[in-house]
Amino acid sequence: MKLIYALATVILLNTGFTTDNNHTRQTKNTSEWIFDKVRAHTLEFKNGKSYNTDLYDLKYIGQVANNNKAPFLIFSGRECLECDANISIYIHSPANGHT
């Protein structure tokens, strides 16, 4: 699992973003999508926008700019609460709809 987070950090560093104590400091202009908190299955942002994932053990990792659209959100989680499913990393833009 640590390897996955290390890989995600390298990806973020190479795209103009840095991580700082579980918070993401953005170096590009995506002020509309500043992460606030995880609430149950939902990623919430400071501008009131949210993204429902239907995942358990949800954790926000970061984001990558997507031109003039909503950024690609990077997060992790599992599909069930009490099962042996592995935690997976997801990269998805709300501009592409919910999958």
PDB file of N, CA and C in Angstrom:
ATOM      1  N   MET A   1       0.822  -1.191   0.000  1.00  0.00           N
ATOM      2  CA  MET A   1       0.000   0.000   0.000  1.00  0.00           C
ATOM      3  C   MET A   1       0.871   1.262   0.000  1.00  0.00           C
ATOM      4  N   LYS A   2       1.971   1.207   0.756  1.00  0.00           N
ATOM      5  CA  LYS A   2       2.868   2.363   0.787  1.00  0.00           C
ATOM      6  C   LYS A   2       3.437   2.645  -0.594  1.00  0.00           C
ATOM      7  N   LEU A   3       3.677   1.581  -1.367  1.00  0.00           N
ATOM      8  CA  LEU A   3       4.194   1.752  -2.719  1.00  0.00           C
ATOM      9  C   LEU A   3       3.197   2.503  -3.595  1.00  0.00           C
ATOM     10  N   ILE A   4       1.908   2.218  -3.432  1.00  0.00           N
ATOM     11  CA  ILE A   4       0.881   2.891  -4.218  1.00  0.00           C
ATOM     12  C   ILE A   4       0.842   4.379  -3.879  1.00  0.00           C
ATOM     13  N   TYR A   5       0.896   4.722  -2.578  1.00  0.00           N
ATOM     14  CA  TYR A   5       0.897   6.128  -2.186  1.00  0.00           C
ATOM     15  C   TYR A   5       2.161   6.830  -2.664  1.00  0.00           C
ATOM     16  N   ALA A   6       3.287   6.125  -2.641  1.00  0.00           N
ATOM     17  CA  ALA A   6       4.534   6.717  -3.136  1.00  0.00           C
ATOM     18  C   ALA A   6       4.425   6.991  -4.633  1.00  0.00           C
ATOM     19  N   LEU A   7       3.851   6.057  -5.376  1.00  0.00           N
ATOM     20  CA  LEU A   7       3.667   6.243  -6.809  1.00  0.00           C
ATOM     21  C   LEU A   7       2.735   7.413  -7.098  1.00  0.00           C
ATOM     22  N   ALA A   8       1.634   7.513  -6.349  1.00  0.00           N
ATOM     23  CA  ALA A   8       0.707   8.633  -6.527  1.00  0.00           C
ATOM     24  C   ALA A   8       1.398   9.960  -6.222  1.00  0.00           C
ATOM     25  N   THR A   9       2.248   9.994  -5.208  1.00  0.00           N
ATOM     26  CA  THR A   9       2.983  11.214  -4.864  1.00  0.00           C
ATOM     27  C   THR A   9       3.913  11.616  -5.991  1.00  0.00           C
ATOM     28  N   VAL A  10       4.607  10.652  -6.581  1.00  0.00           N
ATOM     29  CA  VAL A  10       5.505  10.944  -7.704  1.00  0.00           C
ATOM     30  C   VAL A  10       4.712  11.510  -8.875  1.00  0.00           C
ATOM     31  N   ILE A  11       3.544  10.932  -9.153  1.00  0.00           N
ATOM     32  CA  ILE A  11       2.709  11.433 -10.237  1.00  0.00           C
ATOM     33  C   ILE A  11       2.287  12.866  -9.970  1.00  0.00           C
ATOM     34  N   LEU A  12       1.858  13.146  -8.734  1.00  0.00           N
ATOM     35  CA  LEU A  12       1.431  14.503  -8.385  1.00  0.00           C
ATOM     36  C   LEU A  12       2.583  15.495  -8.475  1.00  0.00           C
ATOM     37  N   LEU A  13       3.754  15.096  -8.030  1.00  0.00           N
ATOM     38  CA  LEU A  13       4.914  15.988  -8.096  1.00  0.00           C
ATOM     39  C   LEU A  13       5.286  16.315  -9.534  1.00  0.00           C
ATOM     40  N   ASN A  14       5.118  15.372 -10.418  1.00  0.00           N
ATOM     41  CA  ASN A  14       5.471  15.584 -11.822  1.00  0.00           C
ATOM     42  C   ASN A  14       4.397  16.319 -12.601  1.00  0.00           C
ATOM     43  N   THR A  15       3.253  16.598 -11.989  1.00  0.00           N
ATOM     44  CA  THR A  15       2.194  17.328 -12.673  1.00  0.00           C
ATOM     45  C   THR A  15       1.970  18.706 -12.065  1.00  0.00           C
ATOM     46  N   GLY A  16       2.867  19.152 -11.206  1.00  0.00           N
ATOM     47  CA  GLY A  16       2.757  20.494 -10.667  1.00  0.00           C
ATOM     48  C   GLY A  16       2.056  20.575  -9.323  1.00  0.00           C
ATOM     49  N   PHE A  17       1.859  19.474  -8.656  1.00  0.00           N
ATOM     50  CA  PHE A  17       1.213  19.459  -7.350  1.00  0.00           C
ATOM     51  C   PHE A  17       2.155  18.848  -6.341  1.00  0.00           C
ATOM     52  N   THR A  18       2.032  19.272  -5.085  1.00  0.00           N
ATOM     53  CA  THR A  18       2.824  18.669  -4.027  1.00  0.00           C
ATOM     54  C   THR A  18       1.901  18.261  -2.897  1.00  0.00           C
ATOM     55  N   THR A  19       2.339  17.266  -2.130  1.00  0.00           N
ATOM     56  CA  THR A  19       1.551  16.858  -0.971  1.00  0.00           C
ATOM     57  C   THR A  19       2.244  17.351   0.281  1.00  0.00           C
ATOM     58  N   ASP A  20       1.459  17.671   1.299  1.00  0.00           N
ATOM     59  CA  ASP A  20       1.989  18.227   2.527  1.00  0.00           C
ATOM     60  C   ASP A  20       1.131  17.751   3.687  1.00  0.00           C
ATOM     61  N   ASN A  21       1.595  16.714   4.421  1.00  0.00           N
ATOM     62  CA  ASN A  21       0.878  16.194   5.583  1.00  0.00           C
ATOM     63  C   ASN A  21      -0.591  15.888   5.293  1.00  0.00           C
ATOM     64  N   ASN A  22      -0.840  15.035   4.307  1.00  0.00           N
ATOM     65  CA  ASN A  22      -2.179  14.586   3.920  1.00  0.00           C
ATOM     66  C   ASN A  22      -3.055  15.685   3.328  1.00  0.00           C
ATOM     67  N   HIS A  23      -2.510  16.817   3.040  1.00  0.00           N
ATOM     68  CA  HIS A  23      -3.249  17.888   2.371  1.00  0.00           C
ATOM     69  C   HIS A  23      -2.552  18.164   1.048  1.00  0.00           C
ATOM     70  N   THR A  24      -3.284  18.600   0.080  1.00  0.00           N
ATOM     71  CA  THR A  24      -2.685  18.896  -1.219  1.00  0.00           C
ATOM     72  C   THR A  24      -2.633  20.394  -1.415  1.00  0.00           C
ATOM     73  N   ARG A  25      -1.428  20.889  -1.668  1.00  0.00           N
ATOM     74  CA  ARG A  25      -1.252  22.302  -1.973  1.00  0.00           C
ATOM     75  C   ARG A  25      -1.179  22.409  -3.482  1.00  0.00           C
ATOM     76  N   GLN A  26      -2.063  23.182  -4.069  1.00  0.00           N
ATOM     77  CA  GLN A  26      -2.137  23.279  -5.515  1.00  0.00           C
ATOM     78  C   GLN A  26      -1.240  24.391  -6.014  1.00  0.00           C
ATOM     79  N   THR A  27      -0.512  24.099  -7.088  1.00  0.00           N
ATOM     80  CA  THR A  27       0.342  25.124  -7.677  1.00  0.00           C
ATOM     81  C   THR A  27      -0.223  25.601  -9.001  1.00  0.00           C
ATOM     82  N   LYS A  28      -1.386  25.070  -9.401  1.00  0.00           N
ATOM     83  CA  LYS A  28      -2.068  25.547 -10.597  1.00  0.00           C
ATOM     84  C   LYS A  28      -3.398  26.127 -10.175  1.00  0.00           C
ATOM     85  N   ASN A  29      -4.026  26.880 -11.050  1.00  0.00           N
ATOM     86  CA  ASN A  29      -5.266  27.554 -10.705  1.00  0.00           C
ATOM     87  C   ASN A  29      -6.464  26.617 -10.851  1.00  0.00           C
ATOM     88  N   THR A  30      -6.809  25.896  -9.783  1.00  0.00           N
ATOM     89  CA  THR A  30      -8.014  25.065  -9.742  1.00  0.00           C
ATOM     90  C   THR A  30      -8.757  25.388  -8.457  1.00  0.00           C
ATOM     91  N   SER A  31      -8.871  26.684  -8.155  1.00  0.00           N
ATOM     92  CA  SER A  31      -9.416  27.120  -6.874  1.00  0.00           C
ATOM     93  C   SER A  31     -10.834  26.637  -6.620  1.00  0.00           C
ATOM     94  N   GLU A  32     -11.579  26.284  -7.666  1.00  0.00           N
ATOM     95  CA  GLU A  32     -12.935  25.803  -7.451  1.00  0.00           C
ATOM     96  C   GLU A  32     -12.958  24.443  -6.780  1.00  0.00           C
ATOM     97  N   TRP A  33     -11.892  23.680  -6.830  1.00  0.00           N
ATOM     98  CA  TRP A  33     -11.875  22.311  -6.336  1.00  0.00           C
ATOM     99  C   TRP A  33     -10.857  22.143  -5.217  1.00  0.00           C
ATOM    100  N   ILE A  34     -10.957  22.957  -4.165  1.00  0.00           N
ATOM    101  CA  ILE A  34     -10.081  22.831  -3.005  1.00  0.00           C
ATOM    102  C   ILE A  34     -10.722  21.831  -2.050  1.00  0.00           C
ATOM    103  N   PHE A  35     -10.020  20.739  -1.793  1.00  0.00           N
ATOM    104  CA  PHE A  35     -10.554  19.657  -0.967  1.00  0.00           C
ATOM    105  C   PHE A  35     -10.824  20.132   0.454  1.00  0.00           C
ATOM    106  N   ASP A  36     -11.958  19.705   1.004  1.00  0.00           N
ATOM    107  CA  ASP A  36     -12.329  20.041   2.372  1.00  0.00           C
ATOM    108  C   ASP A  36     -12.304  18.810   3.268  1.00  0.00           C
ATOM    109  N   LYS A  37     -13.155  17.794   2.959  1.00  0.00           N
ATOM    110  CA  LYS A  37     -13.223  16.618   3.834  1.00  0.00           C
ATOM    111  C   LYS A  37     -13.897  15.454   3.135  1.00  0.00           C
ATOM    112  N   VAL A  38     -13.726  14.283   3.757  1.00  0.00           N
ATOM    113  CA  VAL A  38     -14.444  13.078   3.343  1.00  0.00           C
ATOM    114  C   VAL A  38     -15.603  12.914   4.304  1.00  0.00           C
ATOM    115  N   ARG A  39     -16.791  12.717   3.768  1.00  0.00           N
ATOM    116  CA  ARG A  39     -17.969  12.447   4.589  1.00  0.00           C
ATOM    117  C   ARG A  39     -18.619  11.185   4.030  1.00  0.00           C
ATOM    118  N   ALA A  40     -18.480  10.082   4.771  1.00  0.00           N
ATOM    119  CA  ALA A  40     -19.002   8.767   4.362  1.00  0.00           C
ATOM    120  C   ALA A  40     -18.405   8.367   3.016  1.00  0.00           C
ATOM    121  N   HIS A  41     -19.184   8.366   1.942  1.00  0.00           N
ATOM    122  CA  HIS A  41     -18.732   7.941   0.618  1.00  0.00           C
ATOM    123  C   HIS A  41     -18.463   9.133  -0.304  1.00  0.00           C
ATOM    124  N   THR A  42     -18.420  10.330   0.252  1.00  0.00           N
ATOM    125  CA  THR A  42     -18.395  11.538  -0.567  1.00  0.00           C
ATOM    126  C   THR A  42     -17.153  12.391  -0.293  1.00  0.00           C
ATOM    127  N   LEU A  43     -16.543  12.891  -1.371  1.00  0.00           N
ATOM    128  CA  LEU A  43     -15.474  13.888  -1.277  1.00  0.00           C
ATOM    129  C   LEU A  43     -16.143  15.251  -1.319  1.00  0.00           C
ATOM    130  N   GLU A  44     -15.872  16.091  -0.333  1.00  0.00           N
ATOM    131  CA  GLU A  44     -16.469  17.425  -0.289  1.00  0.00           C
ATOM    132  C   GLU A  44     -15.403  18.482  -0.476  1.00  0.00           C
ATOM    133  N   PHE A  45     -15.772  19.545  -1.197  1.00  0.00           N
ATOM    134  CA  PHE A  45     -14.841  20.620  -1.513  1.00  0.00           C
ATOM    135  C   PHE A  45     -15.338  21.927  -0.923  1.00  0.00           C
ATOM    136  N   LYS A  46     -14.433  22.868  -0.726  1.00  0.00           N
ATOM    137  CA  LYS A  46     -14.752  24.118  -0.024  1.00  0.00           C
ATOM    138  C   LYS A  46     -15.754  24.998  -0.746  1.00  0.00           C
ATOM    139  N   ASN A  47     -15.936  24.807  -2.040  1.00  0.00           N
ATOM    140  CA  ASN A  47     -16.890  25.622  -2.788  1.00  0.00           C
ATOM    141  C   ASN A  47     -18.293  25.030  -2.754  1.00  0.00           C
ATOM    142  N   GLY A  48     -18.514  23.970  -1.954  1.00  0.00           N
ATOM    143  CA  GLY A  48     -19.825  23.348  -1.851  1.00  0.00           C
ATOM    144  C   GLY A  48     -20.039  22.198  -2.815  1.00  0.00           C
ATOM    145  N   LYS A  49     -19.120  22.000  -3.757  1.00  0.00           N
ATOM    146  CA  LYS A  49     -19.238  20.873  -4.672  1.00  0.00           C
ATOM    147  C   LYS A  49     -18.848  19.590  -3.946  1.00  0.00           C
ATOM    148  N   SER A  50     -19.402  18.483  -4.404  1.00  0.00           N
ATOM    149  CA  SER A  50     -19.067  17.198  -3.813  1.00  0.00           C
ATOM    150  C   SER A  50     -19.049  16.130  -4.901  1.00  0.00           C
ATOM    151  N   TYR A  51     -18.413  15.011  -4.588  1.00  0.00           N
ATOM    152  CA  TYR A  51     -18.349  13.893  -5.521  1.00  0.00           C
ATOM    153  C   TYR A  51     -18.610  12.612  -4.749  1.00  0.00           C
ATOM    154  N   ASN A  52     -19.738  11.947  -5.062  1.00  0.00           N
ATOM    155  CA  ASN A  52     -20.112  10.712  -4.395  1.00  0.00           C
ATOM    156  C   ASN A  52     -19.429   9.536  -5.082  1.00  0.00           C
ATOM    157  N   THR A  53     -18.743   8.703  -4.298  1.00  0.00           N
ATOM    158  CA  THR A  53     -17.973   7.604  -4.868  1.00  0.00           C
ATOM    159  C   THR A  53     -18.579   6.231  -4.632  1.00  0.00           C
ATOM    160  N   ASP A  54     -19.461   6.068  -3.661  1.00  0.00           N
ATOM    161  CA  ASP A  54     -20.003   4.764  -3.260  1.00  0.00           C
ATOM    162  C   ASP A  54     -18.919   3.823  -2.741  1.00  0.00           C
ATOM    163  N   LEU A  55     -17.777   4.364  -2.291  1.00  0.00           N
ATOM    164  CA  LEU A  55     -16.676   3.550  -1.774  1.00  0.00           C
ATOM    165  C   LEU A  55     -16.610   3.627  -0.262  1.00  0.00           C
ATOM    166  N   TYR A  56     -16.037   2.589   0.346  1.00  0.00           N
ATOM    167  CA  TYR A  56     -15.780   2.551   1.787  1.00  0.00           C
ATOM    168  C   TYR A  56     -14.294   2.800   2.021  1.00  0.00           C
ATOM    169  N   ASP A  57     -13.930   3.201   3.242  1.00  0.00           N
ATOM    170  CA  ASP A  57     -12.538   3.552   3.574  1.00  0.00           C
ATOM    171  C   ASP A  57     -11.994   4.589   2.595  1.00  0.00           C
ATOM    172  N   LEU A  58     -12.843   5.531   2.221  1.00  0.00           N
ATOM    173  CA  LEU A  58     -12.501   6.554   1.238  1.00  0.00           C
ATOM    174  C   LEU A  58     -11.429   7.493   1.765  1.00  0.00           C
ATOM    175  N   LYS A  59     -10.423   7.747   0.940  1.00  0.00           N
ATOM    176  CA  LYS A  59      -9.356   8.695   1.279  1.00  0.00           C
ATOM    177  C   LYS A  59      -9.061   9.536   0.038  1.00  0.00           C
ATOM    178  N   TYR A  60      -8.926  10.840   0.240  1.00  0.00           N
ATOM    179  CA  TYR A  60      -8.564  11.765  -0.834  1.00  0.00           C
ATOM    180  C   TYR A  60      -7.052  11.790  -0.953  1.00  0.00           C
ATOM    181  N   ILE A  61      -6.531  11.671  -2.180  1.00  0.00           N
ATOM    182  CA  ILE A  61      -5.091  11.688  -2.400  1.00  0.00           C
ATOM    183  C   ILE A  61      -4.657  13.005  -3.040  1.00  0.00           C
ATOM    184  N   GLY A  62      -5.376  13.462  -4.045  1.00  0.00           N
ATOM    185  CA  GLY A  62      -4.981  14.702  -4.711  1.00  0.00           C
ATOM    186  C   GLY A  62      -5.803  14.910  -5.971  1.00  0.00           C
ATOM    187  N   GLN A  63      -5.299  15.762  -6.849  1.00  0.00           N
ATOM    188  CA  GLN A  63      -5.987  16.044  -8.100  1.00  0.00           C
ATOM    189  C   GLN A  63      -4.997  16.539  -9.141  1.00  0.00           C
ATOM    190  N   VAL A  64      -5.404  16.414 -10.400  1.00  0.00           N
ATOM    191  CA  VAL A  64      -4.597  16.869 -11.523  1.00  0.00           C
ATOM    192  C   VAL A  64      -5.486  17.758 -12.389  1.00  0.00           C
ATOM    193  N   ALA A  65      -4.971  18.908 -12.777  1.00  0.00           N
ATOM    194  CA  ALA A  65      -5.734  19.850 -13.593  1.00  0.00           C
ATOM    195  C   ALA A  65      -6.196  19.189 -14.891  1.00  0.00           C
ATOM    196  N   ASN A  66      -7.368  19.627 -15.371  1.00  0.00           N
ATOM    197  CA  ASN A  66      -7.986  19.061 -16.567  1.00  0.00           C
ATOM    198  C   ASN A  66      -8.452  20.199 -17.472  1.00  0.00           C
ATOM    199  N   ASN A  67      -7.513  21.005 -17.945  1.00  0.00           N
ATOM    200  CA  ASN A  67      -7.801  22.179 -18.774  1.00  0.00           C
ATOM    201  C   ASN A  67      -8.852  23.057 -18.101  1.00  0.00           C
ATOM    202  N   ASN A  68      -9.948  23.367 -18.765  1.00  0.00           N
ATOM    203  CA  ASN A  68     -10.984  24.225 -18.184  1.00  0.00           C
ATOM    204  C   ASN A  68     -12.129  23.425 -17.569  1.00  0.00           C
ATOM    205  N   LYS A  69     -11.952  22.121 -17.431  1.00  0.00           N
ATOM    206  CA  LYS A  69     -12.974  21.256 -16.847  1.00  0.00           C
ATOM    207  C   LYS A  69     -12.645  20.974 -15.389  1.00  0.00           C
ATOM    208  N   ALA A  70     -13.529  20.220 -14.736  1.00  0.00           N
ATOM    209  CA  ALA A  70     -13.248  19.776 -13.366  1.00  0.00           C
ATOM    210  C   ALA A  70     -11.975  18.924 -13.387  1.00  0.00           C
ATOM    211  N   PRO A  71     -11.141  19.016 -12.345  1.00  0.00           N
ATOM    212  CA  PRO A  71      -9.880  18.271 -12.348  1.00  0.00           C
ATOM    213  C   PRO A  71     -10.109  16.764 -12.229  1.00  0.00           C
ATOM    214  N   PHE A  72      -9.064  16.002 -12.532  1.00  0.00           N
ATOM    215  CA  PHE A  72      -9.093  14.577 -12.258  1.00  0.00           C
ATOM    216  C   PHE A  72      -8.834  14.414 -10.763  1.00  0.00           C
ATOM    217  N   LEU A  73      -9.770  13.822 -10.058  1.00  0.00           N
ATOM    218  CA  LEU A  73      -9.637  13.581  -8.626  1.00  0.00           C
ATOM    219  C   LEU A  73      -8.962  12.237  -8.429  1.00  0.00           C
ATOM    220  N   ILE A  74      -8.031  12.174  -7.491  1.00  0.00           N
ATOM    221  CA  ILE A  74      -7.331  10.935  -7.169  1.00  0.00           C
ATOM    222  C   ILE A  74      -7.722  10.554  -5.752  1.00  0.00           C
ATOM    223  N   PHE A  75      -8.303   9.370  -5.594  1.00  0.00           N
ATOM    224  CA  PHE A  75      -8.768   8.932  -4.285  1.00  0.00           C
ATOM    225  C   PHE A  75      -8.658   7.418  -4.194  1.00  0.00           C
ATOM    226  N   SER A  76      -8.764   6.904  -2.976  1.00  0.00           N
ATOM    227  CA  SER A  76      -8.684   5.465  -2.781  1.00  0.00           C
ATOM    228  C   SER A  76      -9.869   4.989  -1.959  1.00  0.00           C
ATOM    229  N   GLY A  77     -10.159   3.704  -2.071  1.00  0.00           N
ATOM    230  CA  GLY A  77     -11.236   3.113  -1.303  1.00  0.00           C
ATOM    231  C   GLY A  77     -11.470   1.680  -1.728  1.00  0.00           C
ATOM    232  N   ARG A  78     -12.458   1.054  -1.094  1.00  0.00           N
ATOM    233  CA  ARG A  78     -12.837  -0.311  -1.440  1.00  0.00           C
ATOM    234  C   ARG A  78     -14.335  -0.363  -1.663  1.00  0.00           C
ATOM    235  N   GLU A  79     -14.799  -1.366  -2.421  1.00  0.00           N
ATOM    236  CA  GLU A  79     -16.201  -1.435  -2.817  1.00  0.00           C
ATOM    237  C   GLU A  79     -17.134  -1.980  -1.742  1.00  0.00           C
ATOM    238  N   CYS A  80     -16.600  -2.591  -0.699  1.00  0.00           N
ATOM    239  CA  CYS A  80     -17.455  -3.135   0.353  1.00  0.00           C
ATOM    240  C   CYS A  80     -16.826  -2.866   1.712  1.00  0.00           C
ATOM    241  N   LEU A  81     -17.662  -2.823   2.735  1.00  0.00           N
ATOM    242  CA  LEU A  81     -17.195  -2.477   4.072  1.00  0.00           C
ATOM    243  C   LEU A  81     -16.535  -3.652   4.776  1.00  0.00           C
ATOM    244  N   GLU A  82     -17.208  -4.774   4.833  1.00  0.00           N
ATOM    245  CA  GLU A  82     -16.681  -5.918   5.574  1.00  0.00           C
ATOM    246  C   GLU A  82     -16.388  -7.075   4.633  1.00  0.00           C
ATOM    247  N   CYS A  83     -15.408  -6.885   3.783  1.00  0.00           N
ATOM    248  CA  CYS A  83     -15.000  -7.940   2.862  1.00  0.00           C
ATOM    249  C   CYS A  83     -13.486  -7.881   2.731  1.00  0.00           C
ATOM    250  N   ASP A  84     -12.949  -8.796   1.962  1.00  0.00           N
ATOM    251  CA  ASP A  84     -11.497  -8.827   1.798  1.00  0.00           C
ATOM    252  C   ASP A  84     -11.027  -8.119   0.523  1.00  0.00           C
ATOM    253  N   ALA A  85     -11.859  -7.248  -0.020  1.00  0.00           N
ATOM    254  CA  ALA A  85     -11.490  -6.498  -1.222  1.00  0.00           C
ATOM    255  C   ALA A  85     -10.303  -5.584  -0.927  1.00  0.00           C
ATOM    256  N   ASN A  86      -9.402  -5.511  -1.882  1.00  0.00           N
ATOM    257  CA  ASN A  86      -8.245  -4.632  -1.736  1.00  0.00           C
ATOM    258  C   ASN A  86      -8.658  -3.179  -1.892  1.00  0.00           C
ATOM    259  N   ILE A  87      -7.913  -2.301  -1.264  1.00  0.00           N
ATOM    260  CA  ILE A  87      -8.116  -0.872  -1.481  1.00  0.00           C
ATOM    261  C   ILE A  87      -7.521  -0.532  -2.845  1.00  0.00           C
ATOM    262  N   SER A  88      -8.277   0.197  -3.643  1.00  0.00           N
ATOM    263  CA  SER A  88      -7.847   0.574  -4.983  1.00  0.00           C
ATOM    264  C   SER A  88      -7.698   2.084  -5.079  1.00  0.00           C
ATOM    265  N   ILE A  89      -6.909   2.526  -6.034  1.00  0.00           N
ATOM    266  CA  ILE A  89      -6.767   3.953  -6.312  1.00  0.00           C
ATOM    267  C   ILE A  89      -7.564   4.269  -7.561  1.00  0.00           C
ATOM    268  N   TYR A  90      -8.327   5.357  -7.502  1.00  0.00           N
ATOM    269  CA  TYR A  90      -9.183   5.780  -8.604  1.00  0.00           C
ATOM    270  C   TYR A  90      -8.760   7.162  -9.075  1.00  0.00           C
ATOM    271  N   ILE A  91      -8.836   7.394 -10.359  1.00  0.00           N
ATOM    272  CA  ILE A  91      -8.588   8.712 -10.951  1.00  0.00           C
ATOM    273  C   ILE A  91      -9.791   8.999 -11.832  1.00  0.00           C
ATOM    274  N   HIS A  92     -10.545  10.038 -11.466  1.00  0.00           N
ATOM    275  CA  HIS A  92     -11.774  10.317 -12.191  1.00  0.00           C
ATOM    276  C   HIS A  92     -12.068  11.817 -12.158  1.00  0.00           C
ATOM    277  N   SER A  93     -12.589  12.334 -13.253  1.00  0.00           N
ATOM    278  CA  SER A  93     -13.014  13.727 -13.296  1.00  0.00           C
ATOM    279  C   SER A  93     -14.543  13.805 -13.227  1.00  0.00           C
ATOM    280  N   PRO A  94     -15.091  14.625 -12.330  1.00  0.00           N
ATOM    281  CA  PRO A  94     -16.537  14.818 -12.293  1.00  0.00           C
ATOM    282  C   PRO A  94     -17.084  15.334 -13.625  1.00  0.00           C
ATOM    283  N   ALA A  95     -16.244  15.944 -14.446  1.00  0.00           N
ATOM    284  CA  ALA A  95     -16.681  16.431 -15.759  1.00  0.00           C
ATOM    285  C   ALA A  95     -17.079  15.275 -16.675  1.00  0.00           C
ATOM    286  N   ASN A  96     -16.599  14.060 -16.368  1.00  0.00           N
ATOM    287  CA  ASN A  96     -16.892  12.892 -17.184  1.00  0.00           C
ATOM    288  C   ASN A  96     -18.095  12.119 -16.664  1.00  0.00           C
ATOM    289  N   GLY A  97     -18.795  12.646 -15.668  1.00  0.00           N
ATOM    290  CA  GLY A  97     -19.943  11.954 -15.086  1.00  0.00           C
ATOM    291  C   GLY A  97     -19.522  10.966 -14.031  1.00  0.00           C
ATOM    292  N   HIS A  98     -20.506  10.320 -13.420  1.00  0.00           N
ATOM    293  CA  HIS A  98     -20.244   9.349 -12.357  1.00  0.00           C
ATOM    294  C   HIS A  98     -20.194   7.957 -12.960  1.00  0.00           C
ATOM    295  N   THR A  99     -19.167   7.164 -12.570  1.00  0.00           N
ATOM    296  CA  THR A  99     -19.076   5.786 -13.083  1.00  0.00           C
ATOM    297  C   THR A  99     -19.164   4.804 -11.958  1.00  0.00           C
TER     298      THR A  99
END
